[in-house]
Amino acid sequence: MPRPGDFFTYTVGTESIIVLRDRSGEIRAFHNVCRHRGSRICKTEQGNAHRLVCPYHRWTYELDGSLVLDTRREFGVDKAELSLRPVAHRGRGRPAVRLALRARRRPTSPTRWPPSGAR
């Protein structure tokens, strides 16, 4: 992954992970799930992206995983709380990146906006 925005996806069990190179040259890994409705963000196995865009409602994330949308204004929630969930990793992308997924005691559901009952 030589260029910023280069990515590949990897499946571990039922989890899909995005591994990418950010604009500063660092390797990052995130769960391949939009924080809005739980859709898979990257549907291709590899590629290059300027930003990560969910195909469902077009929520857009920077290569560092931060959400671009101003959710405080629209939903009353700080957008920092809705960044992509990171995956612990080691490596520089060549020849390998090691991922570490933690087992959870109970599954977590994607954040849904607006919350039920909100207008």
N, C-alpha and C. Protein backbone atom coordinates (compact mmCIF):
# COMPACT_ATOMS: atom_id res chain seq x y z
N MET A 1 0.85 -1.18 0.00
CA MET A 1 0.00 0.00 0.00
C MET A 1 0.89 1.24 0.00
N PRO A 2 1.40 1.58 -1.13
CA PRO A 2 2.37 2.68 -1.18
C PRO A 2 1.77 4.08 -1.10
N ARG A 3 0.53 4.29 -1.56
CA ARG A 3 -0.02 5.64 -1.64
C ARG A 3 -1.10 5.89 -0.59
N PRO A 4 -1.23 7.13 -0.12
CA PRO A 4 -2.36 7.47 0.76
C PRO A 4 -3.68 7.10 0.08
N GLY A 5 -4.57 6.51 0.84
CA GLY A 5 -5.86 6.10 0.31
C GLY A 5 -5.89 4.67 -0.20
N ASP A 6 -4.72 4.04 -0.39
CA ASP A 6 -4.70 2.63 -0.78
C ASP A 6 -5.30 1.82 0.36
N PHE A 7 -6.16 0.88 0.02
CA PHE A 7 -6.80 0.06 1.06
C PHE A 7 -7.00 -1.36 0.57
N PHE A 8 -7.20 -2.24 1.52
CA PHE A 8 -7.72 -3.57 1.22
C PHE A 8 -8.66 -3.95 2.35
N THR A 9 -9.58 -4.84 2.05
CA THR A 9 -10.50 -5.33 3.06
C THR A 9 -10.13 -6.76 3.40
N TYR A 10 -10.42 -7.14 4.63
CA TYR A 10 -10.07 -8.46 5.11
C TYR A 10 -11.20 -8.95 6.00
N THR A 11 -11.56 -10.20 5.86
CA THR A 11 -12.64 -10.76 6.66
C THR A 11 -12.06 -11.69 7.72
N VAL A 12 -12.44 -11.44 8.97
CA VAL A 12 -12.05 -12.29 10.09
C VAL A 12 -13.35 -12.80 10.71
N GLY A 13 -13.66 -14.06 10.50
CA GLY A 13 -14.95 -14.58 10.96
C GLY A 13 -16.07 -13.85 10.26
N THR A 14 -16.93 -13.19 11.02
CA THR A 14 -18.02 -12.42 10.42
C THR A 14 -17.69 -10.93 10.32
N GLU A 15 -16.50 -10.55 10.77
CA GLU A 15 -16.09 -9.13 10.76
C GLU A 15 -15.35 -8.78 9.48
N SER A 16 -15.72 -7.66 8.88
CA SER A 16 -14.99 -7.13 7.73
C SER A 16 -14.16 -5.94 8.22
N ILE A 17 -12.88 -5.94 7.84
CA ILE A 17 -11.94 -4.91 8.29
C ILE A 17 -11.39 -4.17 7.08
N ILE A 18 -11.26 -2.85 7.21
CA ILE A 18 -10.59 -2.03 6.19
C ILE A 18 -9.19 -1.72 6.72
N VAL A 19 -8.17 -2.01 5.94
CA VAL A 19 -6.80 -1.64 6.27
C VAL A 19 -6.37 -0.65 5.20
N LEU A 20 -5.87 0.53 5.62
CA LEU A 20 -5.53 1.57 4.65
C LEU A 20 -4.30 2.35 5.08
N ARG A 21 -3.79 3.13 4.13
CA ARG A 21 -2.72 4.08 4.43
C ARG A 21 -3.35 5.46 4.45
N ASP A 22 -3.16 6.19 5.56
CA ASP A 22 -3.76 7.52 5.66
C ASP A 22 -2.88 8.58 5.00
N ARG A 23 -3.30 9.81 5.07
CA ARG A 23 -2.57 10.89 4.38
C ARG A 23 -1.18 11.15 4.97
N SER A 24 -0.97 10.79 6.24
CA SER A 24 0.35 11.00 6.84
C SER A 24 1.27 9.80 6.62
N GLY A 25 0.76 8.76 5.93
CA GLY A 25 1.57 7.60 5.62
C GLY A 25 1.43 6.45 6.60
N GLU A 26 0.62 6.64 7.63
CA GLU A 26 0.42 5.59 8.64
C GLU A 26 -0.57 4.55 8.15
N ILE A 27 -0.37 3.31 8.60
CA ILE A 27 -1.32 2.24 8.34
C ILE A 27 -2.39 2.29 9.42
N ARG A 28 -3.64 2.22 9.02
CA ARG A 28 -4.76 2.21 9.96
C ARG A 28 -5.69 1.07 9.61
N ALA A 29 -6.44 0.60 10.59
CA ALA A 29 -7.42 -0.46 10.38
C ALA A 29 -8.71 -0.10 11.11
N PHE A 30 -9.84 -0.33 10.44
CA PHE A 30 -11.15 0.00 10.99
C PHE A 30 -12.13 -1.12 10.68
N HIS A 31 -13.17 -1.23 11.51
CA HIS A 31 -14.27 -2.11 11.16
C HIS A 31 -14.95 -1.51 9.93
N ASN A 32 -15.26 -2.34 8.97
CA ASN A 32 -15.84 -1.91 7.69
C ASN A 32 -17.35 -1.74 7.83
N VAL A 33 -17.76 -0.91 8.79
CA VAL A 33 -19.18 -0.74 9.10
C VAL A 33 -19.45 0.75 9.35
N CYS A 34 -20.41 1.28 8.63
CA CYS A 34 -20.81 2.67 8.84
C CYS A 34 -21.48 2.80 10.20
N ARG A 35 -21.18 3.88 10.91
CA ARG A 35 -21.75 4.10 12.24
C ARG A 35 -23.20 4.59 12.19
N HIS A 36 -23.71 4.87 11.01
CA HIS A 36 -25.08 5.36 10.88
C HIS A 36 -26.08 4.21 10.86
N ARG A 37 -26.02 3.36 9.84
CA ARG A 37 -27.00 2.28 9.68
C ARG A 37 -26.36 0.90 9.60
N GLY A 38 -25.05 0.82 9.79
CA GLY A 38 -24.40 -0.48 9.83
C GLY A 38 -24.07 -1.09 8.48
N SER A 39 -24.15 -0.30 7.42
CA SER A 39 -23.83 -0.81 6.09
C SER A 39 -22.33 -1.02 5.93
N ARG A 40 -21.95 -1.94 5.08
CA ARG A 40 -20.54 -2.14 4.75
C ARG A 40 -20.10 -0.94 3.92
N ILE A 41 -18.96 -0.34 4.27
CA ILE A 41 -18.48 0.85 3.58
C ILE A 41 -17.76 0.49 2.29
N CYS A 42 -16.72 -0.34 2.38
CA CYS A 42 -15.96 -0.75 1.20
C CYS A 42 -16.46 -2.12 0.76
N LYS A 43 -16.97 -2.19 -0.45
CA LYS A 43 -17.49 -3.46 -0.95
C LYS A 43 -16.48 -4.15 -1.87
N THR A 44 -15.40 -3.47 -2.22
CA THR A 44 -14.37 -4.08 -3.05
C THR A 44 -13.23 -4.57 -2.17
N GLU A 45 -12.46 -5.53 -2.66
CA GLU A 45 -11.37 -6.10 -1.88
C GLU A 45 -10.18 -5.17 -1.74
N GLN A 46 -9.96 -4.31 -2.71
CA GLN A 46 -8.84 -3.37 -2.64
C GLN A 46 -9.10 -2.19 -3.56
N GLY A 47 -8.34 -1.12 -3.34
CA GLY A 47 -8.51 0.05 -4.19
C GLY A 47 -7.82 1.25 -3.57
N ASN A 48 -8.24 2.43 -4.04
CA ASN A 48 -7.72 3.68 -3.53
C ASN A 48 -8.91 4.62 -3.36
N ALA A 49 -8.97 5.31 -2.24
CA ALA A 49 -10.09 6.22 -1.96
C ALA A 49 -9.57 7.51 -1.36
N HIS A 50 -10.13 8.63 -1.79
CA HIS A 50 -9.81 9.93 -1.20
C HIS A 50 -10.42 10.01 0.20
N ARG A 51 -11.63 9.49 0.34
CA ARG A 51 -12.36 9.37 1.60
C ARG A 51 -13.15 8.07 1.54
N LEU A 52 -13.60 7.58 2.69
CA LEU A 52 -14.44 6.39 2.75
C LEU A 52 -15.89 6.84 2.81
N VAL A 53 -16.70 6.37 1.87
CA VAL A 53 -18.09 6.82 1.75
C VAL A 53 -19.02 5.62 1.84
N CYS A 54 -19.95 5.67 2.78
CA CYS A 54 -20.95 4.61 2.91
C CYS A 54 -21.92 4.72 1.74
N PRO A 55 -22.19 3.61 1.05
CA PRO A 55 -23.11 3.68 -0.10
C PRO A 55 -24.58 3.85 0.30
N TYR A 56 -24.93 3.65 1.57
CA TYR A 56 -26.34 3.69 1.98
C TYR A 56 -26.87 5.13 2.08
N HIS A 57 -26.30 5.94 2.97
CA HIS A 57 -26.72 7.33 3.12
C HIS A 57 -25.60 8.32 2.87
N ARG A 58 -24.48 7.83 2.34
CA ARG A 58 -23.34 8.68 1.94
C ARG A 58 -22.61 9.31 3.12
N TRP A 59 -22.70 8.73 4.34
CA TRP A 59 -21.87 9.23 5.43
C TRP A 59 -20.43 9.07 4.99
N THR A 60 -19.63 10.10 5.20
CA THR A 60 -18.27 10.15 4.68
C THR A 60 -17.27 10.25 5.82
N TYR A 61 -16.21 9.46 5.71
CA TYR A 61 -15.16 9.40 6.72
C TYR A 61 -13.82 9.75 6.10
N GLU A 62 -13.02 10.50 6.84
CA GLU A 62 -11.64 10.77 6.42
C GLU A 62 -10.84 9.48 6.55
N LEU A 63 -9.63 9.48 5.99
CA LEU A 63 -8.78 8.29 6.05
C LEU A 63 -8.30 7.99 7.47
N ASP A 64 -8.46 8.94 8.40
CA ASP A 64 -8.12 8.68 9.80
C ASP A 64 -9.31 8.11 10.57
N GLY A 65 -10.42 7.88 9.87
CA GLY A 65 -11.62 7.31 10.48
C GLY A 65 -12.60 8.32 11.02
N SER A 66 -12.26 9.60 11.00
CA SER A 66 -13.16 10.62 11.55
C SER A 66 -14.30 10.92 10.57
N LEU A 67 -15.47 11.16 11.14
CA LEU A 67 -16.67 11.47 10.37
C LEU A 67 -16.60 12.91 9.87
N VAL A 68 -17.00 13.14 8.63
CA VAL A 68 -16.98 14.48 8.04
C VAL A 68 -18.24 15.26 8.40
N LEU A 69 -19.38 14.60 8.45
CA LEU A 69 -20.68 15.22 8.70
C LEU A 69 -20.73 15.93 10.05
N ASP A 70 -21.35 17.10 10.09
CA ASP A 70 -21.52 17.83 11.35
C ASP A 70 -22.76 17.30 12.06
N THR A 71 -22.58 16.25 12.85
CA THR A 71 -23.72 15.61 13.52
C THR A 71 -24.24 16.41 14.70
N ARG A 72 -23.43 17.30 15.27
CA ARG A 72 -23.92 18.11 16.38
C ARG A 72 -25.04 19.02 15.90
N ARG A 73 -24.85 19.63 14.76
CA ARG A 73 -25.86 20.53 14.23
C ARG A 73 -27.13 19.78 13.83
N GLU A 74 -26.96 18.62 13.17
CA GLU A 74 -28.12 17.90 12.66
C GLU A 74 -28.79 16.99 13.69
N PHE A 75 -27.98 16.34 14.57
CA PHE A 75 -28.53 15.34 15.48
C PHE A 75 -28.24 15.61 16.94
N GLY A 76 -27.45 16.64 17.26
CA GLY A 76 -27.13 16.94 18.64
C GLY A 76 -26.09 16.02 19.26
N VAL A 77 -25.30 15.35 18.43
CA VAL A 77 -24.28 14.42 18.89
C VAL A 77 -22.94 14.82 18.30
N ASP A 78 -21.90 14.82 19.11
CA ASP A 78 -20.56 15.16 18.64
C ASP A 78 -20.08 14.13 17.63
N LYS A 79 -19.61 14.57 16.48
CA LYS A 79 -19.19 13.64 15.43
C LYS A 79 -18.00 12.78 15.84
N ALA A 80 -17.23 13.21 16.82
CA ALA A 80 -16.10 12.40 17.31
C ALA A 80 -16.59 11.07 17.90
N GLU A 81 -17.81 11.06 18.40
CA GLU A 81 -18.39 9.83 18.96
C GLU A 81 -18.79 8.85 17.87
N LEU A 82 -18.82 9.30 16.62
CA LEU A 82 -19.29 8.46 15.52
C LEU A 82 -18.21 8.14 14.51
N SER A 83 -16.95 8.26 14.91
CA SER A 83 -15.85 7.88 14.03
C SER A 83 -15.89 6.38 13.80
N LEU A 84 -15.20 5.92 12.74
CA LEU A 84 -15.10 4.48 12.51
C LEU A 84 -14.42 3.83 13.71
N ARG A 85 -14.82 2.63 14.03
CA ARG A 85 -14.21 1.90 15.15
C ARG A 85 -12.87 1.33 14.70
N PRO A 86 -11.79 1.70 15.40
CA PRO A 86 -10.46 1.22 15.00
C PRO A 86 -10.25 -0.24 15.39
N VAL A 87 -9.34 -0.88 14.68
CA VAL A 87 -8.91 -2.24 14.97
C VAL A 87 -7.43 -2.18 15.29
N ALA A 88 -7.04 -2.77 16.42
CA ALA A 88 -5.63 -2.79 16.80
C ALA A 88 -4.83 -3.55 15.75
N HIS A 89 -3.64 -3.05 15.44
CA HIS A 89 -2.82 -3.70 14.42
C HIS A 89 -1.35 -3.39 14.66
N ARG A 90 -0.51 -4.18 14.03
CA ARG A 90 0.93 -3.93 14.01
C ARG A 90 1.38 -4.16 12.59
N GLY A 91 2.40 -3.45 12.18
CA GLY A 91 2.95 -3.65 10.84
C GLY A 91 2.92 -2.38 10.03
N ARG A 92 3.63 -2.40 8.96
CA ARG A 92 3.74 -1.24 8.07
C ARG A 92 3.06 -1.48 6.73
N GLY A 93 2.38 -2.61 6.58
CA GLY A 93 1.68 -2.87 5.33
C GLY A 93 2.45 -3.77 4.39
N ARG A 94 3.74 -3.96 4.63
CA ARG A 94 4.57 -4.84 3.81
C ARG A 94 5.46 -5.66 4.68
N PRO A 95 5.52 -6.91 4.61
CA PRO A 95 4.64 -7.77 3.82
C PRO A 95 3.34 -8.11 4.51
N ALA A 96 3.19 -7.74 5.78
CA ALA A 96 1.98 -8.15 6.49
C ALA A 96 1.56 -7.11 7.52
N VAL A 97 0.28 -7.11 7.81
CA VAL A 97 -0.28 -6.32 8.91
C VAL A 97 -0.98 -7.31 9.82
N ARG A 98 -0.70 -7.26 11.09
CA ARG A 98 -1.35 -8.15 12.05
C ARG A 98 -2.49 -7.42 12.72
N LEU A 99 -3.65 -8.03 12.70
CA LEU A 99 -4.85 -7.43 13.29
C LEU A 99 -5.20 -8.15 14.57
N ALA A 100 -5.78 -7.43 15.52
CA ALA A 100 -6.19 -8.03 16.79
C ALA A 100 -7.62 -7.60 17.10
N LEU A 101 -8.54 -8.53 16.97
CA LEU A 101 -9.94 -8.26 17.31
C LEU A 101 -10.20 -8.78 18.72
N ARG A 102 -10.85 -7.99 19.53
CA ARG A 102 -11.19 -8.41 20.88
C ARG A 102 -12.55 -9.08 20.87
N ALA A 103 -12.66 -10.15 21.62
CA ALA A 103 -13.97 -10.80 21.77
C ALA A 103 -14.84 -9.91 22.64
N ARG A 104 -16.09 -9.81 22.31
CA ARG A 104 -17.02 -9.00 23.09
C ARG A 104 -17.95 -9.92 23.85
N ARG A 105 -18.35 -9.51 25.02
CA ARG A 105 -19.30 -10.31 25.81
C ARG A 105 -20.69 -10.24 25.20
N ARG A 106 -21.01 -9.11 24.64
CA ARG A 106 -22.31 -8.98 24.00
C ARG A 106 -22.13 -8.17 22.72
N PRO A 107 -22.89 -8.45 21.70
CA PRO A 107 -22.72 -7.72 20.44
C PRO A 107 -23.17 -6.27 20.60
N THR A 108 -22.54 -5.39 19.86
CA THR A 108 -22.97 -3.99 19.85
C THR A 108 -23.64 -3.73 18.52
N SER A 109 -24.64 -2.90 18.53
CA SER A 109 -25.34 -2.57 17.30
C SER A 109 -24.83 -1.24 16.77
N PRO A 110 -24.97 -1.03 15.47
CA PRO A 110 -24.55 0.25 14.92
C PRO A 110 -25.40 1.38 15.49
N THR A 111 -24.84 2.56 15.55
CA THR A 111 -25.57 3.72 16.02
C THR A 111 -26.58 4.13 14.96
N ARG A 112 -27.78 4.36 15.35
CA ARG A 112 -28.82 4.73 14.39
C ARG A 112 -29.20 6.20 14.60
N TRP A 113 -29.23 6.96 13.50
CA TRP A 113 -29.56 8.38 13.59
C TRP A 113 -30.64 8.70 12.59
N PRO A 114 -31.63 9.43 12.98
CA PRO A 114 -31.87 9.92 14.32
C PRO A 114 -32.36 8.81 15.24
N PRO A 115 -32.18 8.95 16.57
CA PRO A 115 -32.66 7.93 17.51
C PRO A 115 -34.17 7.74 17.40
N SER A 116 -34.66 6.57 17.76
CA SER A 116 -36.10 6.30 17.72
C SER A 116 -36.85 7.36 18.53
N GLY A 117 -37.92 7.86 17.98
CA GLY A 117 -38.73 8.83 18.67
C GLY A 117 -38.28 10.27 18.49
N ALA A 118 -37.07 10.47 17.93
CA ALA A 118 -36.58 11.84 17.72
C ALA A 118 -37.25 12.43 16.48
N ARG A 119 -37.40 13.71 16.48
CA ARG A 119 -38.00 14.37 15.32
C ARG A 119 -36.97 15.16 14.58
